[in-house]
Amino acid sequence: MLDSSKSRDYSGLTGSEVSWDESLNEFNITVHQENVPIDTYWKLVTQQEYNEYKNLGYRTKEDKRGDSIFYYVQIPSTRMRGNSQYQEDKWNV
């Protein structure tokens, strides 16, 4: 069998484990997942919003595609990458 794990980085992937609980006579599925905090994200905004955010000191960028210009602002966030949310002292995976 080929072992590809030495040359791969699986840290961003999720996995599931199925187990049998004899005392309850049922199967359990356990999900293993690495969560990574997302500190910021790029938000698409109008040119007017772009100028307002820029004057407030936010990080901004323009993306020119053909005749169109798209304006982005980097916004603070408290989300987690990995399909997880933390709310009211509970994890929702």
PDB file of N, CA and C in Angstrom:
ATOM      1  N   MET A   1       0.847  -1.182   0.000  1.00  0.00           N
ATOM      2  CA  MET A   1       0.000   0.000   0.000  1.00  0.00           C
ATOM      3  C   MET A   1       0.892   1.245   0.000  1.00  0.00           C
ATOM      4  N   LEU A   2       0.547   2.223  -0.810  1.00  0.00           N
ATOM      5  CA  LEU A   2       1.303   3.460  -0.925  1.00  0.00           C
ATOM      6  C   LEU A   2       0.983   4.383   0.241  1.00  0.00           C
ATOM      7  N   ASP A   3       2.003   4.875   0.925  1.00  0.00           N
ATOM      8  CA  ASP A   3       1.800   5.811   2.045  1.00  0.00           C
ATOM      9  C   ASP A   3       2.082   7.216   1.556  1.00  0.00           C
ATOM     10  N   SER A   4       1.019   7.976   1.307  1.00  0.00           N
ATOM     11  CA  SER A   4       1.188   9.339   0.806  1.00  0.00           C
ATOM     12  C   SER A   4       1.238  10.373   1.916  1.00  0.00           C
ATOM     13  N   SER A   5       1.081   9.951   3.160  1.00  0.00           N
ATOM     14  CA  SER A   5       0.995  10.904   4.260  1.00  0.00           C
ATOM     15  C   SER A   5       2.311  11.644   4.513  1.00  0.00           C
ATOM     16  N   LYS A   6       3.431  11.082   4.088  1.00  0.00           N
ATOM     17  CA  LYS A   6       4.727  11.741   4.330  1.00  0.00           C
ATOM     18  C   LYS A   6       4.900  12.983   3.473  1.00  0.00           C
ATOM     19  N   SER A   7       4.272  13.001   2.314  1.00  0.00           N
ATOM     20  CA  SER A   7       4.449  14.135   1.407  1.00  0.00           C
ATOM     21  C   SER A   7       3.215  15.041   1.350  1.00  0.00           C
ATOM     22  N   ARG A   8       2.256  14.823   2.207  1.00  0.00           N
ATOM     23  CA  ARG A   8       1.015  15.594   2.188  1.00  0.00           C
ATOM     24  C   ARG A   8       0.812  16.327   3.509  1.00  0.00           C
ATOM     25  N   ASP A   9       0.027  17.406   3.431  1.00  0.00           N
ATOM     26  CA  ASP A   9      -0.358  18.144   4.627  1.00  0.00           C
ATOM     27  C   ASP A   9      -1.869  18.019   4.775  1.00  0.00           C
ATOM     28  N   TYR A  10      -2.307  17.229   5.721  1.00  0.00           N
ATOM     29  CA  TYR A  10      -3.729  17.000   5.925  1.00  0.00           C
ATOM     30  C   TYR A  10      -4.292  17.838   7.068  1.00  0.00           C
ATOM     31  N   SER A  11      -3.578  18.842   7.519  1.00  0.00           N
ATOM     32  CA  SER A  11      -4.005  19.600   8.700  1.00  0.00           C
ATOM     33  C   SER A  11      -5.286  20.389   8.473  1.00  0.00           C
ATOM     34  N   GLY A  12      -5.612  20.733   7.224  1.00  0.00           N
ATOM     35  CA  GLY A  12      -6.817  21.506   6.965  1.00  0.00           C
ATOM     36  C   GLY A  12      -8.036  20.654   6.640  1.00  0.00           C
ATOM     37  N   LEU A  13      -7.904  19.333   6.719  1.00  0.00           N
ATOM     38  CA  LEU A  13      -9.000  18.452   6.361  1.00  0.00           C
ATOM     39  C   LEU A  13      -9.773  17.986   7.592  1.00  0.00           C
ATOM     40  N   THR A  14     -10.963  17.470   7.359  1.00  0.00           N
ATOM     41  CA  THR A  14     -11.757  16.898   8.435  1.00  0.00           C
ATOM     42  C   THR A  14     -11.856  15.397   8.227  1.00  0.00           C
ATOM     43  N   GLY A  15     -12.237  14.704   9.265  1.00  0.00           N
ATOM     44  CA  GLY A  15     -12.414  13.266   9.157  1.00  0.00           C
ATOM     45  C   GLY A  15     -13.477  12.801  10.129  1.00  0.00           C
ATOM     46  N   SER A  16     -14.078  11.678   9.832  1.00  0.00           N
ATOM     47  CA  SER A  16     -15.119  11.116  10.689  1.00  0.00           C
ATOM     48  C   SER A  16     -14.714   9.725  11.140  1.00  0.00           C
ATOM     49  N   GLU A  17     -15.141   9.372  12.328  1.00  0.00           N
ATOM     50  CA  GLU A  17     -14.839   8.068  12.899  1.00  0.00           C
ATOM     51  C   GLU A  17     -16.152   7.444  13.372  1.00  0.00           C
ATOM     52  N   VAL A  18     -16.445   6.259  12.889  1.00  0.00           N
ATOM     53  CA  VAL A  18     -17.662   5.546  13.290  1.00  0.00           C
ATOM     54  C   VAL A  18     -17.273   4.515  14.347  1.00  0.00           C
ATOM     55  N   SER A  19     -17.994   4.523  15.461  1.00  0.00           N
ATOM     56  CA  SER A  19     -17.709   3.556  16.529  1.00  0.00           C
ATOM     57  C   SER A  19     -19.020   2.952  17.036  1.00  0.00           C
ATOM     58  N   TRP A  20     -18.911   1.778  17.626  1.00  0.00           N
ATOM     59  CA  TRP A  20     -20.067   1.075  18.163  1.00  0.00           C
ATOM     60  C   TRP A  20     -20.024   1.137  19.680  1.00  0.00           C
ATOM     61  N   ASP A  21     -21.110   1.580  20.299  1.00  0.00           N
ATOM     62  CA  ASP A  21     -21.219   1.633  21.751  1.00  0.00           C
ATOM     63  C   ASP A  21     -22.105   0.459  22.186  1.00  0.00           C
ATOM     64  N   GLU A  22     -21.469  -0.583  22.753  1.00  0.00           N
ATOM     65  CA  GLU A  22     -22.214  -1.785  23.130  1.00  0.00           C
ATOM     66  C   GLU A  22     -23.213  -1.516  24.246  1.00  0.00           C
ATOM     67  N   SER A  23     -22.861  -0.636  25.189  1.00  0.00           N
ATOM     68  CA  SER A  23     -23.762  -0.390  26.319  1.00  0.00           C
ATOM     69  C   SER A  23     -25.057   0.293  25.894  1.00  0.00           C
ATOM     70  N   LEU A  24     -25.003   1.118  24.856  1.00  0.00           N
ATOM     71  CA  LEU A  24     -26.196   1.808  24.360  1.00  0.00           C
ATOM     72  C   LEU A  24     -26.797   1.124  23.138  1.00  0.00           C
ATOM     73  N   ASN A  25     -26.054   0.131  22.604  1.00  0.00           N
ATOM     74  CA  ASN A  25     -26.479  -0.590  21.413  1.00  0.00           C
ATOM     75  C   ASN A  25     -26.724   0.370  20.238  1.00  0.00           C
ATOM     76  N   GLU A  26     -25.756   1.236  19.993  1.00  0.00           N
ATOM     77  CA  GLU A  26     -25.895   2.203  18.898  1.00  0.00           C
ATOM     78  C   GLU A  26     -24.535   2.594  18.341  1.00  0.00           C
ATOM     79  N   PHE A  27     -24.556   3.128  17.121  1.00  0.00           N
ATOM     80  CA  PHE A  27     -23.351   3.649  16.494  1.00  0.00           C
ATOM     81  C   PHE A  27     -23.188   5.122  16.849  1.00  0.00           C
ATOM     82  N   ASN A  28     -21.949   5.565  16.938  1.00  0.00           N
ATOM     83  CA  ASN A  28     -21.628   6.979  17.148  1.00  0.00           C
ATOM     84  C   ASN A  28     -20.715   7.444  16.026  1.00  0.00           C
ATOM     85  N   ILE A  29     -20.907   8.665  15.586  1.00  0.00           N
ATOM     86  CA  ILE A  29     -20.029   9.269  14.588  1.00  0.00           C
ATOM     87  C   ILE A  29     -19.326  10.443  15.251  1.00  0.00           C
ATOM     88  N   THR A  30     -18.010  10.390  15.273  1.00  0.00           N
ATOM     89  CA  THR A  30     -17.208  11.469  15.838  1.00  0.00           C
ATOM     90  C   THR A  30     -16.506  12.181  14.688  1.00  0.00           C
ATOM     91  N   VAL A  31     -16.614  13.498  14.658  1.00  0.00           N
ATOM     92  CA  VAL A  31     -15.995  14.294  13.602  1.00  0.00           C
ATOM     93  C   VAL A  31     -14.747  14.966  14.157  1.00  0.00           C
ATOM     94  N   HIS A  32     -13.632  14.785  13.455  1.00  0.00           N
ATOM     95  CA  HIS A  32     -12.377  15.431  13.819  1.00  0.00           C
ATOM     96  C   HIS A  32     -12.146  16.576  12.848  1.00  0.00           C
ATOM     97  N   GLN A  33     -11.890  17.741  13.389  1.00  0.00           N
ATOM     98  CA  GLN A  33     -11.764  18.912  12.528  1.00  0.00           C
ATOM     99  C   GLN A  33     -10.850  19.936  13.177  1.00  0.00           C
ATOM    100  N   GLU A  34      -9.977  20.524  12.375  1.00  0.00           N
ATOM    101  CA  GLU A  34      -9.115  21.596  12.870  1.00  0.00           C
ATOM    102  C   GLU A  34      -9.784  22.930  12.554  1.00  0.00           C
ATOM    103  N   ASN A  35      -9.917  23.749  13.561  1.00  0.00           N
ATOM    104  CA  ASN A  35     -10.490  25.074  13.374  1.00  0.00           C
ATOM    105  C   ASN A  35      -9.377  26.118  13.368  1.00  0.00           C
ATOM    106  N   VAL A  36      -9.519  27.078  12.486  1.00  0.00           N
ATOM    107  CA  VAL A  36      -8.540  28.152  12.363  1.00  0.00           C
ATOM    108  C   VAL A  36      -9.298  29.477  12.437  1.00  0.00           C
ATOM    109  N   PRO A  37      -8.887  30.385  13.323  1.00  0.00           N
ATOM    110  CA  PRO A  37      -9.607  31.656  13.405  1.00  0.00           C
ATOM    111  C   PRO A  37      -9.413  32.502  12.154  1.00  0.00           C
ATOM    112  N   ILE A  38     -10.487  33.138  11.741  1.00  0.00           N
ATOM    113  CA  ILE A  38     -10.428  34.098  10.640  1.00  0.00           C
ATOM    114  C   ILE A  38     -10.475  35.477  11.277  1.00  0.00           C
ATOM    115  N   ASP A  39      -9.373  36.185  11.232  1.00  0.00           N
ATOM    116  CA  ASP A  39      -9.313  37.505  11.867  1.00  0.00           C
ATOM    117  C   ASP A  39      -9.970  38.577  11.008  1.00  0.00           C
ATOM    118  N   THR A  40      -9.846  38.459   9.701  1.00  0.00           N
ATOM    119  CA  THR A  40     -10.402  39.457   8.792  1.00  0.00           C
ATOM    120  C   THR A  40     -10.897  38.771   7.519  1.00  0.00           C
ATOM    121  N   TYR A  41     -11.684  39.508   6.762  1.00  0.00           N
ATOM    122  CA  TYR A  41     -12.097  39.034   5.441  1.00  0.00           C
ATOM    123  C   TYR A  41     -12.251  40.243   4.527  1.00  0.00           C
ATOM    124  N   TRP A  42     -12.182  40.013   3.216  1.00  0.00           N
ATOM    125  CA  TRP A  42     -12.311  41.090   2.233  1.00  0.00           C
ATOM    126  C   TRP A  42     -13.768  41.213   1.811  1.00  0.00           C
ATOM    127  N   LYS A  43     -14.344  42.390   1.997  1.00  0.00           N
ATOM    128  CA  LYS A  43     -15.743  42.659   1.675  1.00  0.00           C
ATOM    129  C   LYS A  43     -15.824  43.524   0.422  1.00  0.00           C
ATOM    130  N   LEU A  44     -16.660  43.125  -0.526  1.00  0.00           N
ATOM    131  CA  LEU A  44     -16.904  43.906  -1.728  1.00  0.00           C
ATOM    132  C   LEU A  44     -17.819  45.073  -1.372  1.00  0.00           C
ATOM    133  N   VAL A  45     -17.394  46.303  -1.689  1.00  0.00           N
ATOM    134  CA  VAL A  45     -18.157  47.502  -1.327  1.00  0.00           C
ATOM    135  C   VAL A  45     -18.295  48.421  -2.537  1.00  0.00           C
ATOM    136  N   THR A  46     -19.153  49.422  -2.399  1.00  0.00           N
ATOM    137  CA  THR A  46     -19.292  50.434  -3.443  1.00  0.00           C
ATOM    138  C   THR A  46     -18.112  51.389  -3.381  1.00  0.00           C
ATOM    139  N   GLN A  47     -17.956  52.200  -4.408  1.00  0.00           N
ATOM    140  CA  GLN A  47     -16.848  53.152  -4.430  1.00  0.00           C
ATOM    141  C   GLN A  47     -16.986  54.167  -3.295  1.00  0.00           C
ATOM    142  N   GLN A  48     -18.200  54.593  -2.984  1.00  0.00           N
ATOM    143  CA  GLN A  48     -18.408  55.543  -1.892  1.00  0.00           C
ATOM    144  C   GLN A  48     -18.022  54.928  -0.547  1.00  0.00           C
ATOM    145  N   GLU A  49     -18.456  53.670  -0.300  1.00  0.00           N
ATOM    146  CA  GLU A  49     -18.078  52.981   0.941  1.00  0.00           C
ATOM    147  C   GLU A  49     -16.571  52.781   1.008  1.00  0.00           C
ATOM    148  N   TYR A  50     -15.980  52.451  -0.142  1.00  0.00           N
ATOM    149  CA  TYR A  50     -14.527  52.259  -0.237  1.00  0.00           C
ATOM    150  C   TYR A  50     -13.791  53.513   0.245  1.00  0.00           C
ATOM    151  N   ASN A  51     -14.212  54.671  -0.263  1.00  0.00           N
ATOM    152  CA  ASN A  51     -13.564  55.928   0.123  1.00  0.00           C
ATOM    153  C   ASN A  51     -13.771  56.234   1.602  1.00  0.00           C
ATOM    154  N   GLU A  52     -14.959  55.935   2.137  1.00  0.00           N
ATOM    155  CA  GLU A  52     -15.223  56.175   3.559  1.00  0.00           C
ATOM    156  C   GLU A  52     -14.340  55.289   4.439  1.00  0.00           C
ATOM    157  N   TYR A  53     -14.266  53.994   4.112  1.00  0.00           N
ATOM    158  CA  TYR A  53     -13.415  53.076   4.877  1.00  0.00           C
ATOM    159  C   TYR A  53     -11.939  53.476   4.772  1.00  0.00           C
ATOM    160  N   LYS A  54     -11.520  53.877   3.589  1.00  0.00           N
ATOM    161  CA  LYS A  54     -10.129  54.264   3.378  1.00  0.00           C
ATOM    162  C   LYS A  54      -9.777  55.464   4.241  1.00  0.00           C
ATOM    163  N   ASN A  55     -10.690  56.451   4.333  1.00  0.00           N
ATOM    164  CA  ASN A  55     -10.466  57.627   5.179  1.00  0.00           C
ATOM    165  C   ASN A  55     -10.426  57.273   6.662  1.00  0.00           C
ATOM    166  N   LEU A  56     -11.092  56.176   7.044  1.00  0.00           N
ATOM    167  CA  LEU A  56     -11.067  55.732   8.442  1.00  0.00           C
ATOM    168  C   LEU A  56      -9.831  54.891   8.766  1.00  0.00           C
ATOM    169  N   GLY A  57      -9.012  54.581   7.763  1.00  0.00           N
ATOM    170  CA  GLY A  57      -7.774  53.844   7.994  1.00  0.00           C
ATOM    171  C   GLY A  57      -7.864  52.351   7.761  1.00  0.00           C
ATOM    172  N   TYR A  58      -8.960  51.874   7.200  1.00  0.00           N
ATOM    173  CA  TYR A  58      -9.076  50.451   6.890  1.00  0.00           C
ATOM    174  C   TYR A  58      -8.167  50.101   5.721  1.00  0.00           C
ATOM    175  N   ARG A  59      -7.756  48.830   5.670  1.00  0.00           N
ATOM    176  CA  ARG A  59      -6.962  48.335   4.549  1.00  0.00           C
ATOM    177  C   ARG A  59      -7.894  48.127   3.363  1.00  0.00           C
ATOM    178  N   THR A  60      -7.526  48.641   2.200  1.00  0.00           N
ATOM    179  CA  THR A  60      -8.381  48.577   1.021  1.00  0.00           C
ATOM    180  C   THR A  60      -7.596  48.078  -0.188  1.00  0.00           C
ATOM    181  N   LYS A  61      -8.333  47.614  -1.200  1.00  0.00           N
ATOM    182  CA  LYS A  61      -7.690  47.239  -2.466  1.00  0.00           C
ATOM    183  C   LYS A  61      -8.694  47.385  -3.595  1.00  0.00           C
ATOM    184  N   GLU A  62      -8.158  47.656  -4.775  1.00  0.00           N
ATOM    185  CA  GLU A  62      -8.955  47.762  -5.988  1.00  0.00           C
ATOM    186  C   GLU A  62      -8.577  46.620  -6.920  1.00  0.00           C
ATOM    187  N   ASP A  63      -9.574  46.050  -7.565  1.00  0.00           N
ATOM    188  CA  ASP A  63      -9.353  44.959  -8.507  1.00  0.00           C
ATOM    189  C   ASP A  63      -9.920  45.394  -9.856  1.00  0.00           C
ATOM    190  N   LYS A  64      -9.020  45.643 -10.830  1.00  0.00           N
ATOM    191  CA  LYS A  64      -9.445  46.093 -12.152  1.00  0.00           C
ATOM    192  C   LYS A  64      -9.555  44.897 -13.082  1.00  0.00           C
ATOM    193  N   ARG A  65     -10.773  44.706 -13.618  1.00  0.00           N
ATOM    194  CA  ARG A  65     -11.018  43.614 -14.572  1.00  0.00           C
ATOM    195  C   ARG A  65     -11.671  44.214 -15.804  1.00  0.00           C
ATOM    196  N   GLY A  66     -10.898  44.346 -16.859  1.00  0.00           N
ATOM    197  CA  GLY A  66     -11.413  44.962 -18.084  1.00  0.00           C
ATOM    198  C   GLY A  66     -11.772  46.413 -17.825  1.00  0.00           C
ATOM    199  N   ASP A  67     -13.002  46.779 -18.102  1.00  0.00           N
ATOM    200  CA  ASP A  67     -13.467  48.143 -17.880  1.00  0.00           C
ATOM    201  C   ASP A  67     -14.053  48.341 -16.483  1.00  0.00           C
ATOM    202  N   SER A  68     -14.145  47.280 -15.692  1.00  0.00           N
ATOM    203  CA  SER A  68     -14.759  47.359 -14.367  1.00  0.00           C
ATOM    204  C   SER A  68     -13.711  47.444 -13.268  1.00  0.00           C
ATOM    205  N   ILE A  69     -14.051  48.166 -12.202  1.00  0.00           N
ATOM    206  CA  ILE A  69     -13.210  48.241 -11.017  1.00  0.00           C
ATOM    207  C   ILE A  69     -14.035  47.769  -9.829  1.00  0.00           C
ATOM    208  N   PHE A  70     -13.497  46.794  -9.100  1.00  0.00           N
ATOM    209  CA  PHE A  70     -14.150  46.275  -7.907  1.00  0.00           C
ATOM    210  C   PHE A  70     -13.386  46.774  -6.690  1.00  0.00           C
ATOM    211  N   TYR A  71     -14.122  47.238  -5.668  1.00  0.00           N
ATOM    212  CA  TYR A  71     -13.524  47.822  -4.476  1.00  0.00           C
ATOM    213  C   TYR A  71     -13.730  46.884  -3.290  1.00  0.00           C
ATOM    214  N   TYR A  72     -12.649  46.649  -2.549  1.00  0.00           N
ATOM    215  CA  TYR A  72     -12.679  45.746  -1.401  1.00  0.00           C
ATOM    216  C   TYR A  72     -12.120  46.440  -0.161  1.00  0.00           C
ATOM    217  N   VAL A  73     -12.693  46.070   0.999  1.00  0.00           N
ATOM    218  CA  VAL A  73     -12.230  46.576   2.290  1.00  0.00           C
ATOM    219  C   VAL A  73     -11.996  45.377   3.193  1.00  0.00           C
ATOM    220  N   GLN A  74     -10.903  45.409   3.967  1.00  0.00           N
ATOM    221  CA  GLN A  74     -10.623  44.322   4.893  1.00  0.00           C
ATOM    222  C   GLN A  74     -11.339  44.610   6.214  1.00  0.00           C
ATOM    223  N   ILE A  75     -12.270  43.710   6.584  1.00  0.00           N
ATOM    224  CA  ILE A  75     -13.145  43.891   7.736  1.00  0.00           C
ATOM    225  C   ILE A  75     -12.756  42.905   8.840  1.00  0.00           C
ATOM    226  N   PRO A  76     -12.717  43.348  10.115  1.00  0.00           N
ATOM    227  CA  PRO A  76     -12.454  42.412  11.222  1.00  0.00           C
ATOM    228  C   PRO A  76     -13.578  41.383  11.353  1.00  0.00           C
ATOM    229  N   SER A  77     -13.236  40.195  11.806  1.00  0.00           N
ATOM    230  CA  SER A  77     -14.215  39.113  11.921  1.00  0.00           C
ATOM    231  C   SER A  77     -13.906  38.257  13.138  1.00  0.00           C
ATOM    232  N   THR A  78     -14.916  37.536  13.636  1.00  0.00           N
ATOM    233  CA  THR A  78     -14.724  36.604  14.752  1.00  0.00           C
ATOM    234  C   THR A  78     -15.194  35.201  14.361  1.00  0.00           C
ATOM    235  N   ARG A  79     -15.085  34.869  13.077  1.00  0.00           N
ATOM    236  CA  ARG A  79     -15.513  33.561  12.586  1.00  0.00           C
ATOM    237  C   ARG A  79     -14.369  32.558  12.660  1.00  0.00           C
ATOM    238  N   MET A  80     -14.736  31.295  12.488  1.00  0.00           N
ATOM    239  CA  MET A  80     -13.758  30.212  12.445  1.00  0.00           C
ATOM    240  C   MET A  80     -13.859  29.517  11.099  1.00  0.00           C
ATOM    241  N   ARG A  81     -12.687  29.227  10.498  1.00  0.00           N
ATOM    242  CA  ARG A  81     -12.679  28.426   9.273  1.00  0.00           C
ATOM    243  C   ARG A  81     -12.770  26.967   9.692  1.00  0.00           C
ATOM    244  N   GLY A  82     -13.631  26.224   9.046  1.00  0.00           N
ATOM    245  CA  GLY A  82     -13.783  24.809   9.369  1.00  0.00           C
ATOM    246  C   GLY A  82     -15.208  24.431   9.706  1.00  0.00           C
ATOM    247  N   ASN A  83     -16.186  25.188   9.233  1.00  0.00           N
ATOM    248  CA  ASN A  83     -17.601  24.886   9.445  1.00  0.00           C
ATOM    249  C   ASN A  83     -17.976  24.806  10.914  1.00  0.00           C
ATOM    250  N   SER A  84     -17.400  25.646  11.754  1.00  0.00           N
ATOM    251  CA  SER A  84     -17.715  25.655  13.175  1.00  0.00           C
ATOM    252  C   SER A  84     -18.077  27.060  13.613  1.00  0.00           C
ATOM    253  N   GLN A  85     -18.981  27.114  14.562  1.00  0.00           N
ATOM    254  CA  GLN A  85     -19.348  28.387  15.160  1.00  0.00           C
ATOM    255  C   GLN A  85     -19.353  28.231  16.670  1.00  0.00           C
ATOM    256  N   TYR A  86     -18.954  29.272  17.378  1.00  0.00           N
ATOM    257  CA  TYR A  86     -18.961  29.269  18.838  1.00  0.00           C
ATOM    258  C   TYR A  86     -19.955  30.314  19.289  1.00  0.00           C
ATOM    259  N   GLN A  87     -21.010  29.858  19.972  1.00  0.00           N
ATOM    260  CA  GLN A  87     -22.033  30.789  20.413  1.00  0.00           C
ATOM    261  C   GLN A  87     -22.621  30.287  21.731  1.00  0.00           C
ATOM    262  N   GLU A  88     -22.731  31.182  22.696  1.00  0.00           N
ATOM    263  CA  GLU A  88     -23.322  30.881  23.995  1.00  0.00           C
ATOM    264  C   GLU A  88     -22.656  29.672  24.650  1.00  0.00           C
ATOM    265  N   ASP A  89     -21.335  29.669  24.702  1.00  0.00           N
ATOM    266  CA  ASP A  89     -20.535  28.625  25.338  1.00  0.00           C
ATOM    267  C   ASP A  89     -20.731  27.239  24.733  1.00  0.00           C
ATOM    268  N   LYS A  90     -21.136  27.185  23.446  1.00  0.00           N
ATOM    269  CA  LYS A  90     -21.320  25.888  22.780  1.00  0.00           C
ATOM    270  C   LYS A  90     -20.695  25.933  21.398  1.00  0.00           C
ATOM    271  N   TRP A  91     -20.087  24.818  21.021  1.00  0.00           N
ATOM    272  CA  TRP A  91     -19.559  24.662  19.664  1.00  0.00           C
ATOM    273  C   TRP A  91     -20.609  24.002  18.793  1.00  0.00           C
ATOM    274  N   ASN A  92     -20.833  24.548  17.613  1.00  0.00           N
ATOM    275  CA  ASN A  92     -21.719  23.942  16.618  1.00  0.00           C
ATOM    276  C   ASN A  92     -20.845  23.552  15.435  1.00  0.00           C
ATOM    277  N   VAL A  93     -20.652  22.253  15.257  1.00  0.00           N
ATOM    278  CA  VAL A  93     -19.782  21.761  14.183  1.00  0.00           C
ATOM    279  C   VAL A  93     -20.637  21.155  13.095  1.00  0.00           C
TER     280      VAL A  93
END
